[in-house]
Amino acid sequence: MDEIQEKQTRRKRKRKLRLGRVFISLLVVVILIGGVYSIVQYNIGYKLSSNNSNNNPSEFKGDVLASGERENILVLGVDSRGQDKARTDTMMIISWDKKENDVKIISFMRDIYADIPGHKSYKLNTAYYLGEVQLLTETLKGMFDIPIHHYALIDFSSFESLVDIIAPEGVPIKVEKDMSEKIGVSLTKGQQNLNGKELLGYARFRSDEEGDFGRVSRQQIVIEALKDEMLSFQSLPNVPKFVGAMEGYIETDYSKTDKGKRVIDAITSGKLEIDKLTIPVEGSYSFNSYSHAGSVIEIDTEENKTAITKFLEK
């Protein structure tokens, strides 16, 4: 009986070994297929955006990132429409604490009356028009004493393309009101999936009583919705193609090897709910008008500087 039991035990062990080898072999095949798929999709995305690749990135001298410091990335959305010079509709800093895996977003109103180095005071978004990324960086640092380590810039047409790549079925958004004026699309109130063009129109809408404050709020909603979309299971197969497309669609000072990875890491890291701050903060501003700048938002710079410091520290 002992001999029979020993033979049965040996057979069971052999079966387990065979099953283990089969499992490992299947796992290797899946990894290889996944790797090949990712490379192919990355190359497809890269080719889609290759015609937009910027061989002459903006001048930018970022701050040196100290050990343990939050990494601040200046993110800009630009409506160039084929023009040599453009103003920025979207100006935000994505601040990333890698140790705590925490991401915060600071959005700046474009009509802030800003002290632009070497120029008269104008609206904040005029700084990009006058001196592109570097001058806008110097303006923000001078006013709010916040270090800026990197930048990422995307044209609105490229934004539309990237959204359609990562979310071909659209991004779920609860549209809070009917929107159509001057945004290129017509949106109706209610929950719906927005394609790239519609999502951009939603983010840019400001033809209501909220004006630019409403637009900045919607830009923050869009960033959070895109983060959720990139983290969703159904979007995972689209990520390699999305990263490849970023090579041409997004201009940044990150190296080619870091470009896609670092921007995605900054957006997809952290808590499910992103902490957000809009500058100017409530009660720290008034409206005014100047002949050379038009309608502007005049702010208490020190109050807003303090608000940013507290926001990043909490």
Protein backbone atom coordinates (compact mmCIF):
# COMPACT_ATOMS: atom_id res chain seq x y z
CA MET A 1 0.00 0.00 0.00
CA ASP A 2 2.84 2.38 0.84
CA GLU A 3 4.37 1.80 -2.60
CA ILE A 4 1.04 2.53 -4.31
CA GLN A 5 0.53 5.73 -2.30
CA GLU A 6 4.08 6.83 -3.10
CA LYS A 7 3.45 6.34 -6.83
CA GLN A 8 0.20 8.33 -6.61
CA THR A 9 2.01 11.14 -4.77
CA ARG A 10 4.72 11.24 -7.43
CA ARG A 11 2.07 11.41 -10.19
CA LYS A 12 0.32 14.30 -8.42
CA ARG A 13 3.60 16.17 -8.10
CA LYS A 14 4.33 15.70 -11.80
CA ARG A 15 0.84 16.95 -12.69
CA LYS A 16 1.36 20.06 -10.54
CA LEU A 17 4.74 20.68 -12.16
CA ARG A 18 3.23 20.33 -15.64
CA LEU A 19 0.36 22.66 -14.73
CA GLY A 20 2.85 25.13 -13.26
CA ARG A 21 4.94 25.07 -16.45
CA VAL A 22 1.84 25.53 -18.58
CA PHE A 23 0.74 28.50 -16.45
CA ILE A 24 4.18 30.12 -16.64
CA SER A 25 4.33 29.53 -20.40
CA LEU A 26 0.89 31.11 -20.86
CA LEU A 27 1.90 34.05 -18.66
CA VAL A 28 5.04 34.62 -20.77
CA VAL A 29 2.96 34.49 -23.96
CA VAL A 30 0.44 37.01 -22.54
CA ILE A 31 3.25 39.36 -21.49
CA LEU A 32 4.89 39.10 -24.92
CA ILE A 33 1.61 39.73 -26.71
CA GLY A 34 0.86 42.66 -24.40
CA GLY A 35 4.33 44.08 -25.02
CA VAL A 36 4.04 43.77 -28.80
CA TYR A 37 0.54 45.26 -28.72
CA SER A 38 1.77 48.19 -26.62
CA ILE A 39 4.68 48.88 -28.98
CA VAL A 40 2.43 48.72 -32.04
CA GLN A 41 -0.17 51.01 -30.48
CA TYR A 42 2.53 53.42 -29.27
CA ASN A 43 3.92 53.64 -32.82
CA ILE A 44 0.45 54.22 -34.25
CA GLY A 45 -0.10 57.05 -31.80
CA TYR A 46 3.31 58.52 -32.51
CA LYS A 47 2.69 58.49 -36.27
CA LEU A 48 -0.70 60.16 -35.76
CA SER A 49 0.96 63.08 -34.02
CA SER A 50 4.27 63.19 -35.91
CA ASN A 51 3.13 66.03 -38.18
CA ASN A 52 2.49 68.16 -35.09
CA SER A 53 5.83 67.43 -33.45
CA ASN A 54 7.46 70.62 -32.25
CA ASN A 55 11.16 70.65 -33.11
CA ASN A 56 11.57 74.14 -31.63
CA PRO A 57 10.20 73.97 -28.08
CA SER A 58 9.73 77.13 -26.09
CA GLU A 59 12.55 78.67 -24.11
CA PHE A 60 12.21 77.51 -20.53
CA LYS A 61 14.46 77.69 -17.49
CA GLY A 62 12.78 75.73 -14.74
CA ASP A 63 13.68 75.66 -11.07
CA VAL A 64 15.87 72.82 -9.85
CA LEU A 65 13.78 70.24 -8.02
CA ALA A 66 15.12 69.73 -4.50
CA SER A 67 14.91 66.36 -2.77
CA GLY A 68 11.49 65.89 -1.16
CA GLU A 69 10.05 69.01 -2.81
CA ARG A 70 6.71 69.04 -4.60
CA GLU A 71 7.20 68.91 -8.38
CA ASN A 72 5.29 71.78 -9.99
CA ILE A 73 4.33 71.46 -13.64
CA LEU A 74 2.94 74.49 -15.47
CA VAL A 75 0.21 73.20 -17.80
CA LEU A 76 -0.97 75.49 -20.59
CA GLY A 77 -3.79 75.18 -23.12
CA VAL A 78 -3.29 77.36 -26.19
CA ASP A 79 -5.65 78.29 -29.01
CA SER A 80 -3.14 79.09 -31.76
CA ARG A 81 -5.42 78.68 -34.81
CA GLY A 82 -2.32 78.66 -37.00
CA GLN A 83 -1.10 82.03 -35.73
CA ASP A 84 2.50 82.75 -34.73
CA LYS A 85 1.39 84.24 -31.41
CA ALA A 86 -1.37 83.09 -29.12
CA ARG A 87 -2.82 83.66 -25.68
CA THR A 88 -3.45 80.94 -23.16
CA ASP A 89 -7.01 79.98 -22.22
CA THR A 90 -5.83 77.47 -19.64
CA MET A 91 -3.13 78.16 -17.05
CA MET A 92 -2.71 75.76 -14.18
CA ILE A 93 -0.01 74.23 -12.04
CA ILE A 94 -0.19 70.52 -11.30
CA SER A 95 1.71 70.10 -8.03
CA TRP A 96 2.88 66.57 -7.28
CA ASP A 97 4.13 65.33 -3.92
CA LYS A 98 5.74 62.01 -4.87
CA LYS A 99 6.41 60.95 -1.27
CA GLU A 100 2.77 61.28 -0.26
CA ASN A 101 1.51 60.38 -3.78
CA ASP A 102 -0.62 63.50 -3.70
CA VAL A 103 -1.61 65.75 -6.60
CA LYS A 104 -3.07 69.25 -6.31
CA ILE A 105 -4.17 71.65 -9.06
CA ILE A 106 -3.91 75.44 -8.94
CA SER A 107 -5.83 77.24 -11.70
CA PHE A 108 -5.16 80.87 -12.59
CA MET A 109 -7.80 83.16 -14.06
CA ARG A 110 -6.62 84.52 -17.39
CA ASP A 111 -7.97 88.05 -16.68
CA ILE A 112 -5.83 88.59 -13.56
CA TYR A 113 -4.16 92.00 -13.84
CA ALA A 114 -0.55 90.86 -13.70
CA ASP A 115 2.86 92.46 -13.24
CA ILE A 116 4.65 91.16 -16.35
CA PRO A 117 8.45 91.57 -16.12
CA GLY A 118 9.76 94.07 -18.68
CA HIS A 119 6.27 95.14 -19.77
CA LYS A 120 3.28 97.13 -18.61
CA SER A 121 0.74 95.31 -16.48
CA TYR A 122 -1.72 93.33 -18.59
CA LYS A 123 -4.00 90.36 -18.25
CA LEU A 124 -2.10 87.28 -17.11
CA ASN A 125 -2.62 85.38 -20.36
CA THR A 126 -0.94 88.24 -22.25
CA ALA A 127 2.39 87.16 -20.71
CA TYR A 128 2.41 84.08 -22.95
CA TYR A 129 1.56 86.22 -25.99
CA LEU A 130 4.49 88.53 -25.23
CA GLY A 131 7.14 86.00 -24.24
CA GLU A 132 5.68 82.49 -24.35
CA VAL A 133 6.34 79.96 -21.58
CA GLN A 134 9.37 81.63 -20.02
CA LEU A 135 7.76 85.04 -19.53
CA LEU A 136 4.57 83.50 -18.14
CA THR A 137 6.70 81.40 -15.77
CA GLU A 138 8.58 84.49 -14.57
CA THR A 139 5.28 86.35 -14.11
CA LEU A 140 3.74 83.61 -11.96
CA LYS A 141 6.90 83.15 -9.90
CA GLY A 142 7.24 86.89 -9.37
CA MET A 143 3.65 87.35 -8.24
CA PHE A 144 3.11 84.18 -6.20
CA ASP A 145 6.60 83.05 -5.21
CA ILE A 146 5.97 79.49 -6.41
CA PRO A 147 8.75 77.38 -7.97
CA ILE A 148 8.00 75.95 -11.43
CA HIS A 149 10.09 72.93 -12.40
CA HIS A 150 8.60 71.83 -15.73
CA TYR A 151 5.96 72.80 -18.26
CA ALA A 152 3.57 71.04 -20.63
CA LEU A 153 1.78 72.87 -23.43
CA ILE A 154 -1.00 71.59 -25.66
CA ASP A 155 -2.83 73.21 -28.53
CA PHE A 156 -6.59 72.79 -28.40
CA SER A 157 -6.81 70.82 -31.64
CA SER A 158 -4.26 68.37 -30.20
CA PHE A 159 -6.30 68.13 -27.01
CA GLU A 160 -9.31 67.00 -29.04
CA SER A 161 -7.25 64.29 -30.74
CA LEU A 162 -5.80 62.98 -27.47
CA VAL A 163 -9.25 62.78 -25.85
CA ASP A 164 -10.57 60.76 -28.79
CA ILE A 165 -7.62 58.37 -28.49
CA ILE A 166 -7.90 57.67 -24.77
CA ALA A 167 -11.73 57.71 -24.74
CA PRO A 168 -13.09 56.77 -28.20
CA GLU A 169 -16.56 56.33 -26.68
CA GLY A 170 -16.42 59.77 -25.06
CA VAL A 171 -15.76 61.10 -21.56
CA PRO A 172 -18.70 61.03 -19.07
CA ILE A 173 -19.59 64.58 -18.04
CA LYS A 174 -22.67 65.99 -16.34
CA VAL A 175 -23.33 69.14 -18.37
CA GLU A 176 -24.91 71.59 -15.96
CA LYS A 177 -26.69 73.75 -18.56
CA ASP A 178 -27.28 74.12 -22.29
CA MET A 179 -24.12 75.46 -23.93
CA SER A 180 -23.57 76.58 -27.50
CA GLU A 181 -22.38 80.15 -27.85
CA LYS A 182 -18.82 80.56 -29.25
CA ILE A 183 -17.62 77.06 -28.36
CA GLY A 184 -18.05 75.38 -31.74
CA VAL A 185 -20.50 72.73 -30.49
CA SER A 186 -23.99 72.59 -28.97
CA LEU A 187 -24.32 70.80 -25.65
CA THR A 188 -27.54 70.06 -23.83
CA LYS A 189 -28.02 69.85 -20.07
CA GLY A 190 -27.61 66.40 -18.54
CA GLN A 191 -25.27 63.42 -18.24
CA GLN A 192 -23.59 62.49 -21.52
CA ASN A 193 -20.38 61.21 -23.08
CA LEU A 194 -18.40 64.00 -24.76
CA ASN A 195 -15.91 63.48 -27.57
CA GLY A 196 -12.75 65.57 -27.83
CA LYS A 197 -14.34 68.54 -29.59
CA GLU A 198 -17.34 68.57 -27.25
CA LEU A 199 -15.19 68.23 -24.13
CA LEU A 200 -13.04 71.16 -25.25
CA GLY A 201 -16.18 73.23 -25.90
CA TYR A 202 -17.47 72.35 -22.43
CA ALA A 203 -14.17 73.41 -20.83
CA ARG A 204 -14.05 76.71 -22.74
CA PHE A 205 -17.65 77.85 -22.27
CA ARG A 206 -17.99 81.15 -20.39
CA SER A 207 -21.07 82.83 -21.88
CA ASP A 208 -23.03 82.97 -18.65
CA GLU A 209 -23.08 84.89 -15.37
CA GLU A 210 -20.11 82.88 -14.02
CA GLY A 211 -17.86 83.98 -16.88
CA ASP A 212 -14.22 82.96 -16.47
CA PHE A 213 -14.81 81.58 -12.97
CA GLY A 214 -17.19 79.00 -14.41
CA ARG A 215 -14.76 78.16 -17.18
CA VAL A 216 -11.91 77.54 -14.73
CA SER A 217 -14.18 75.31 -12.64
CA ARG A 218 -15.08 73.28 -15.74
CA GLN A 219 -11.41 72.96 -16.71
CA GLN A 220 -10.78 71.37 -13.32
CA ILE A 221 -13.75 69.04 -13.80
CA VAL A 222 -12.34 68.00 -17.18
CA ILE A 223 -8.89 67.23 -15.72
CA GLU A 224 -10.47 65.03 -13.04
CA ALA A 225 -12.71 63.28 -15.59
CA LEU A 226 -9.72 62.56 -17.83
CA LYS A 227 -7.80 61.16 -14.87
CA ASP A 228 -10.72 58.82 -14.08
CA GLU A 229 -10.88 57.80 -17.74
CA MET A 230 -7.17 56.96 -17.91
CA LEU A 231 -7.48 54.87 -14.75
CA SER A 232 -10.57 52.99 -15.96
CA PHE A 233 -10.26 49.36 -17.05
CA GLN A 234 -11.85 49.95 -20.46
CA SER A 235 -9.27 52.62 -21.34
CA LEU A 236 -6.18 50.52 -20.55
CA PRO A 237 -5.79 49.19 -24.14
CA ASN A 238 -5.75 52.80 -25.40
CA VAL A 239 -2.95 54.00 -23.09
CA PRO A 240 0.05 52.94 -25.28
CA LYS A 241 -1.41 54.72 -28.32
CA PHE A 242 -2.19 57.75 -26.14
CA VAL A 243 1.40 57.89 -24.83
CA GLY A 244 2.75 57.63 -28.37
CA ALA A 245 0.51 60.47 -29.55
CA MET A 246 1.68 62.66 -26.69
CA GLU A 247 5.14 62.75 -28.30
CA GLY A 248 3.87 65.11 -30.98
CA TYR A 249 0.78 66.61 -29.41
CA ILE A 250 2.29 67.87 -26.16
CA GLU A 251 5.24 70.26 -26.00
CA THR A 252 7.27 69.98 -22.80
CA ASP A 253 10.78 70.36 -21.42
CA TYR A 254 10.78 66.73 -20.30
CA SER A 255 13.17 64.49 -22.24
CA LYS A 256 11.69 62.22 -24.90
CA THR A 257 11.96 59.20 -22.61
CA ASP A 258 10.24 61.03 -19.76
CA LYS A 259 7.65 63.03 -21.69
CA GLY A 260 4.72 60.62 -21.70
CA LYS A 261 5.55 58.85 -18.46
CA ARG A 262 6.05 61.91 -16.27
CA VAL A 263 2.99 63.86 -17.42
CA ILE A 264 0.75 60.79 -17.09
CA ASP A 265 2.26 59.98 -13.67
CA ALA A 266 1.55 63.50 -12.45
CA ILE A 267 -2.07 63.33 -13.60
CA THR A 268 -2.90 59.77 -12.58
CA SER A 269 -1.12 59.69 -9.23
CA GLY A 270 -2.68 60.66 -5.97
CA LYS A 271 -6.14 60.39 -4.53
CA LEU A 272 -9.26 59.76 -6.58
CA GLU A 273 -10.42 63.26 -5.61
CA ILE A 274 -7.95 65.94 -6.71
CA ASP A 275 -7.58 68.95 -4.42
CA LYS A 276 -8.18 72.12 -6.42
CA LEU A 277 -7.60 75.82 -5.87
CA THR A 278 -8.63 78.74 -8.07
CA ILE A 279 -6.66 81.99 -8.03
CA PRO A 280 -7.86 84.55 -7.10
CA VAL A 281 -9.47 83.13 -3.96
CA GLU A 282 -12.86 84.38 -2.84
CA GLY A 283 -12.87 87.88 -1.34
CA SER A 284 -9.39 88.75 -2.63
CA TYR A 285 -10.24 90.56 -5.86
CA SER A 286 -12.23 93.29 -7.57
CA PHE A 287 -13.06 94.12 -11.18
CA ASN A 288 -11.59 97.06 -13.04
CA SER A 289 -10.97 98.26 -16.58
CA TYR A 290 -8.00 99.87 -18.32
CA SER A 291 -7.79 101.35 -21.80
CA HIS A 292 -4.72 99.23 -22.72
CA ALA A 293 -5.90 95.97 -21.12
CA GLY A 294 -9.70 96.03 -21.07
CA SER A 295 -11.70 94.42 -18.24
CA VAL A 296 -9.43 92.84 -15.66
CA ILE A 297 -9.46 91.20 -12.24
CA GLU A 298 -7.34 93.10 -9.74
CA ILE A 299 -6.18 90.88 -6.90
CA ASP A 300 -4.64 91.09 -3.47
CA THR A 301 -1.36 89.40 -4.42
CA GLU A 302 -0.19 88.73 -0.87
CA GLU A 303 -3.49 87.13 0.14
CA ASN A 304 -3.39 84.83 -2.86
CA LYS A 305 0.29 84.01 -2.33
CA THR A 306 -0.57 82.97 1.24
CA ALA A 307 -3.53 80.91 0.00
CA ILE A 308 -1.27 78.98 -2.41
CA THR A 309 1.31 78.29 0.31
CA LYS A 310 -1.33 76.96 2.72
CA PHE A 311 -2.99 74.91 -0.02
CA LEU A 312 0.25 73.13 -0.90
CA GLU A 313 1.21 72.53 2.71
CA LYS A 314 -2.04 71.00 3.97
